[in-house]
Amino acid sequence: MNRFVDPPNTMVITLKEILDGTKTVLCVSHDEEDGMWQFLDGSDELEADNARIVTLEEMLEIDESFSLLWDLPPGWIAERVSNKALWTKREKD
């Protein structure tokens, strides 16, 4: 069940490798400045050539555990060490 306040067609940033299944989402951020969501692999750099814009709904179809992050406030980040691990939430540094 989608409990996100943002509509399902909200645009999010992710990686080509996450969409093709070769990488796992280990870090989700909800940007304070613009409210944008990022579903990334936890590496420090986001390269323009592998960045992709998809909808929130598409990301929720990839991994049902993303639905647990519906209440992540802007300016916060959720992380996990593997796709089997629990999410931990904290305010961005």
N, C-alpha and C. Protein backbone atom coordinates (compact mmCIF):
# COMPACT_ATOMS: atom_id res chain seq x y z
N MET A 1 0.83 -1.18 0.00
CA MET A 1 0.00 0.00 0.00
C MET A 1 0.88 1.25 0.00
N ASN A 2 0.60 2.17 -0.90
CA ASN A 2 1.35 3.40 -1.02
C ASN A 2 0.79 4.44 -0.05
N ARG A 3 1.58 4.80 0.97
CA ARG A 3 1.15 5.80 1.94
C ARG A 3 1.87 7.13 1.72
N PHE A 4 2.68 7.23 0.67
CA PHE A 4 3.39 8.47 0.38
C PHE A 4 2.40 9.61 0.16
N VAL A 5 2.74 10.78 0.67
CA VAL A 5 1.94 11.98 0.42
C VAL A 5 2.12 12.41 -1.03
N ASP A 6 3.33 12.24 -1.55
CA ASP A 6 3.60 12.59 -2.94
C ASP A 6 2.80 11.68 -3.86
N PRO A 7 2.29 12.21 -4.97
CA PRO A 7 1.52 11.39 -5.90
C PRO A 7 2.40 10.31 -6.56
N PRO A 8 1.80 9.23 -7.04
CA PRO A 8 2.55 8.14 -7.66
C PRO A 8 3.41 8.57 -8.84
N ASN A 9 3.01 9.64 -9.53
CA ASN A 9 3.78 10.08 -10.69
C ASN A 9 4.88 11.09 -10.34
N THR A 10 5.17 11.24 -9.05
CA THR A 10 6.28 12.10 -8.62
C THR A 10 7.58 11.58 -9.23
N MET A 11 8.35 12.48 -9.81
CA MET A 11 9.62 12.09 -10.43
C MET A 11 10.68 11.88 -9.36
N VAL A 12 11.46 10.81 -9.53
CA VAL A 12 12.56 10.51 -8.62
C VAL A 12 13.82 10.24 -9.45
N ILE A 13 14.97 10.41 -8.83
CA ILE A 13 16.25 10.11 -9.46
C ILE A 13 16.71 8.74 -9.00
N THR A 14 17.17 7.95 -9.95
CA THR A 14 17.76 6.66 -9.63
C THR A 14 18.87 6.39 -10.64
N LEU A 15 19.36 5.16 -10.66
CA LEU A 15 20.45 4.77 -11.55
C LEU A 15 19.99 3.74 -12.56
N LYS A 16 20.59 3.78 -13.73
CA LYS A 16 20.32 2.79 -14.77
C LYS A 16 20.55 1.38 -14.22
N GLU A 17 21.60 1.19 -13.44
CA GLU A 17 21.94 -0.13 -12.90
C GLU A 17 20.91 -0.63 -11.89
N ILE A 18 20.25 0.28 -11.20
CA ILE A 18 19.18 -0.13 -10.29
C ILE A 18 17.98 -0.60 -11.10
N LEU A 19 17.67 0.12 -12.16
CA LEU A 19 16.53 -0.27 -13.00
C LEU A 19 16.77 -1.59 -13.71
N ASP A 20 18.03 -1.87 -14.08
CA ASP A 20 18.29 -3.14 -14.77
C ASP A 20 18.63 -4.27 -13.80
N GLY A 21 18.62 -4.00 -12.51
CA GLY A 21 18.79 -5.04 -11.50
C GLY A 21 20.22 -5.41 -11.16
N THR A 22 21.20 -4.67 -11.66
CA THR A 22 22.59 -5.00 -11.36
C THR A 22 23.10 -4.32 -10.09
N LYS A 23 22.37 -3.32 -9.60
CA LYS A 23 22.69 -2.68 -8.33
C LYS A 23 21.43 -2.61 -7.48
N THR A 24 21.63 -2.47 -6.18
CA THR A 24 20.54 -2.42 -5.21
C THR A 24 20.44 -1.03 -4.60
N VAL A 25 19.23 -0.59 -4.32
CA VAL A 25 19.04 0.68 -3.62
C VAL A 25 19.44 0.48 -2.16
N LEU A 26 20.46 1.23 -1.74
CA LEU A 26 20.92 1.18 -0.36
C LEU A 26 20.76 2.52 0.34
N CYS A 27 20.38 3.53 -0.42
CA CYS A 27 20.26 4.88 0.12
C CYS A 27 19.09 5.60 -0.55
N VAL A 28 18.18 6.12 0.25
CA VAL A 28 17.06 6.91 -0.25
C VAL A 28 17.12 8.25 0.46
N SER A 29 17.09 9.32 -0.33
CA SER A 29 17.08 10.64 0.29
C SER A 29 15.87 11.42 -0.19
N HIS A 30 15.41 12.28 0.70
CA HIS A 30 14.29 13.17 0.42
C HIS A 30 14.84 14.57 0.60
N ASP A 31 15.14 15.22 -0.52
CA ASP A 31 15.84 16.49 -0.49
C ASP A 31 15.00 17.60 0.15
N GLU A 32 15.66 18.35 1.01
CA GLU A 32 14.98 19.45 1.71
C GLU A 32 14.71 20.63 0.78
N GLU A 33 15.64 20.90 -0.13
CA GLU A 33 15.54 22.07 -0.99
C GLU A 33 14.34 22.02 -1.93
N ASP A 34 14.16 20.88 -2.61
CA ASP A 34 13.12 20.79 -3.64
C ASP A 34 12.14 19.64 -3.44
N GLY A 35 12.31 18.86 -2.37
CA GLY A 35 11.41 17.73 -2.11
C GLY A 35 11.64 16.53 -3.00
N MET A 36 12.69 16.57 -3.83
CA MET A 36 12.99 15.47 -4.76
C MET A 36 13.42 14.24 -3.98
N TRP A 37 13.03 13.08 -4.49
CA TRP A 37 13.45 11.80 -3.94
C TRP A 37 14.59 11.25 -4.78
N GLN A 38 15.56 10.60 -4.12
CA GLN A 38 16.65 9.92 -4.80
C GLN A 38 16.75 8.51 -4.25
N PHE A 39 16.74 7.54 -5.15
CA PHE A 39 16.89 6.12 -4.80
C PHE A 39 18.20 5.66 -5.42
N LEU A 40 19.25 5.56 -4.60
CA LEU A 40 20.60 5.33 -5.11
C LEU A 40 21.24 4.12 -4.46
N ASP A 41 22.45 3.78 -4.94
CA ASP A 41 23.14 2.58 -4.46
C ASP A 41 24.08 2.83 -3.29
N GLY A 42 24.14 4.06 -2.80
CA GLY A 42 24.99 4.37 -1.65
C GLY A 42 26.37 4.86 -2.01
N SER A 43 26.73 4.86 -3.29
CA SER A 43 28.02 5.42 -3.68
C SER A 43 27.94 6.94 -3.59
N ASP A 44 29.09 7.57 -3.51
CA ASP A 44 29.13 9.02 -3.29
C ASP A 44 28.81 9.84 -4.53
N GLU A 45 28.98 9.26 -5.70
CA GLU A 45 28.83 10.06 -6.91
C GLU A 45 27.66 9.59 -7.76
N LEU A 46 26.94 10.56 -8.28
CA LEU A 46 25.86 10.30 -9.23
C LEU A 46 26.34 10.83 -10.58
N GLU A 47 26.61 9.93 -11.48
CA GLU A 47 27.10 10.30 -12.81
C GLU A 47 25.92 10.58 -13.73
N ALA A 48 26.02 11.63 -14.52
CA ALA A 48 24.93 12.02 -15.42
C ALA A 48 24.60 10.93 -16.43
N ASP A 49 25.61 10.16 -16.86
CA ASP A 49 25.35 9.15 -17.89
C ASP A 49 24.58 7.94 -17.40
N ASN A 50 24.56 7.70 -16.09
CA ASN A 50 23.78 6.56 -15.60
C ASN A 50 22.59 6.98 -14.73
N ALA A 51 22.36 8.29 -14.59
CA ALA A 51 21.21 8.78 -13.84
C ALA A 51 19.94 8.61 -14.68
N ARG A 52 18.86 8.27 -14.03
CA ARG A 52 17.57 8.11 -14.69
C ARG A 52 16.49 8.77 -13.85
N ILE A 53 15.49 9.34 -14.52
CA ILE A 53 14.32 9.91 -13.86
C ILE A 53 13.16 8.96 -14.13
N VAL A 54 12.56 8.49 -13.05
CA VAL A 54 11.39 7.60 -13.13
C VAL A 54 10.36 8.10 -12.13
N THR A 55 9.24 7.42 -12.05
CA THR A 55 8.21 7.83 -11.09
C THR A 55 8.37 7.10 -9.76
N LEU A 56 7.82 7.69 -8.73
CA LEU A 56 7.79 7.05 -7.42
C LEU A 56 7.10 5.70 -7.51
N GLU A 57 6.03 5.63 -8.27
CA GLU A 57 5.30 4.37 -8.45
C GLU A 57 6.20 3.28 -9.03
N GLU A 58 7.01 3.63 -10.01
CA GLU A 58 7.94 2.65 -10.61
C GLU A 58 8.93 2.13 -9.57
N MET A 59 9.42 3.01 -8.72
CA MET A 59 10.37 2.58 -7.69
C MET A 59 9.69 1.66 -6.68
N LEU A 60 8.46 1.96 -6.32
CA LEU A 60 7.75 1.11 -5.36
C LEU A 60 7.51 -0.30 -5.92
N GLU A 61 7.45 -0.43 -7.24
CA GLU A 61 7.29 -1.74 -7.86
C GLU A 61 8.57 -2.55 -7.82
N ILE A 62 9.72 -1.89 -7.71
CA ILE A 62 11.01 -2.59 -7.69
C ILE A 62 11.23 -3.30 -6.36
N ASP A 63 10.85 -2.65 -5.26
CA ASP A 63 11.13 -3.21 -3.93
C ASP A 63 10.03 -2.73 -2.98
N GLU A 64 9.28 -3.65 -2.44
CA GLU A 64 8.16 -3.26 -1.56
C GLU A 64 8.62 -2.62 -0.27
N SER A 65 9.89 -2.82 0.12
CA SER A 65 10.36 -2.19 1.36
C SER A 65 10.45 -0.67 1.23
N PHE A 66 10.46 -0.13 0.01
CA PHE A 66 10.47 1.32 -0.16
C PHE A 66 9.22 1.95 0.44
N SER A 67 8.13 1.19 0.49
CA SER A 67 6.88 1.73 1.06
C SER A 67 7.03 2.07 2.54
N LEU A 68 8.04 1.51 3.20
CA LEU A 68 8.30 1.82 4.61
C LEU A 68 8.87 3.22 4.80
N LEU A 69 9.25 3.85 3.70
CA LEU A 69 9.90 5.16 3.78
C LEU A 69 8.94 6.30 3.51
N TRP A 70 7.66 6.03 3.50
CA TRP A 70 6.64 7.03 3.18
C TRP A 70 6.73 8.26 4.06
N ASP A 71 7.20 8.11 5.29
CA ASP A 71 7.21 9.23 6.23
C ASP A 71 8.59 9.87 6.38
N LEU A 72 9.52 9.57 5.45
CA LEU A 72 10.85 10.16 5.51
C LEU A 72 10.74 11.66 5.24
N PRO A 73 11.07 12.48 6.24
CA PRO A 73 10.87 13.93 6.05
C PRO A 73 11.89 14.52 5.07
N PRO A 74 11.55 15.63 4.45
CA PRO A 74 12.54 16.33 3.63
C PRO A 74 13.77 16.66 4.49
N GLY A 75 14.96 16.47 3.90
CA GLY A 75 16.19 16.70 4.64
C GLY A 75 16.70 15.46 5.35
N TRP A 76 16.04 14.33 5.16
CA TRP A 76 16.43 13.08 5.80
C TRP A 76 16.87 12.06 4.76
N ILE A 77 17.55 11.03 5.26
CA ILE A 77 18.07 9.96 4.43
C ILE A 77 17.77 8.62 5.11
N ALA A 78 17.52 7.61 4.31
CA ALA A 78 17.34 6.25 4.83
C ALA A 78 18.40 5.38 4.19
N GLU A 79 19.04 4.54 4.99
CA GLU A 79 20.11 3.69 4.49
C GLU A 79 19.93 2.26 4.98
N ARG A 80 20.53 1.34 4.22
CA ARG A 80 20.59 -0.06 4.64
C ARG A 80 21.87 -0.65 4.05
N VAL A 81 22.33 -1.76 4.61
CA VAL A 81 23.59 -2.34 4.15
C VAL A 81 23.40 -3.37 3.05
N SER A 82 22.19 -3.87 2.89
CA SER A 82 21.87 -4.82 1.83
C SER A 82 20.37 -4.79 1.58
N ASN A 83 19.93 -5.45 0.51
CA ASN A 83 18.49 -5.45 0.23
C ASN A 83 17.69 -6.29 1.22
N LYS A 84 18.36 -7.04 2.08
CA LYS A 84 17.68 -7.84 3.12
C LYS A 84 17.69 -7.14 4.48
N ALA A 85 18.45 -6.05 4.60
CA ALA A 85 18.60 -5.36 5.88
C ALA A 85 17.46 -4.36 6.11
N LEU A 86 17.30 -3.98 7.36
CA LEU A 86 16.31 -2.97 7.73
C LEU A 86 16.82 -1.58 7.38
N TRP A 87 15.90 -0.68 7.10
CA TRP A 87 16.24 0.71 6.82
C TRP A 87 16.52 1.43 8.13
N THR A 88 17.52 2.30 8.14
CA THR A 88 17.75 3.22 9.25
C THR A 88 17.60 4.63 8.70
N LYS A 89 16.95 5.47 9.47
CA LYS A 89 16.66 6.84 9.02
C LYS A 89 17.42 7.82 9.89
N ARG A 90 17.91 8.89 9.23
CA ARG A 90 18.61 9.94 9.97
C ARG A 90 18.53 11.25 9.19
N GLU A 91 18.74 12.33 9.90
CA GLU A 91 18.79 13.63 9.25
C GLU A 91 20.10 13.74 8.47
N LYS A 92 20.04 14.33 7.27
CA LYS A 92 21.26 14.51 6.47
C LYS A 92 22.22 15.40 7.21
N ASP A 93 23.50 15.13 7.01
CA ASP A 93 24.57 15.95 7.63
C ASP A 93 24.61 17.32 7.01
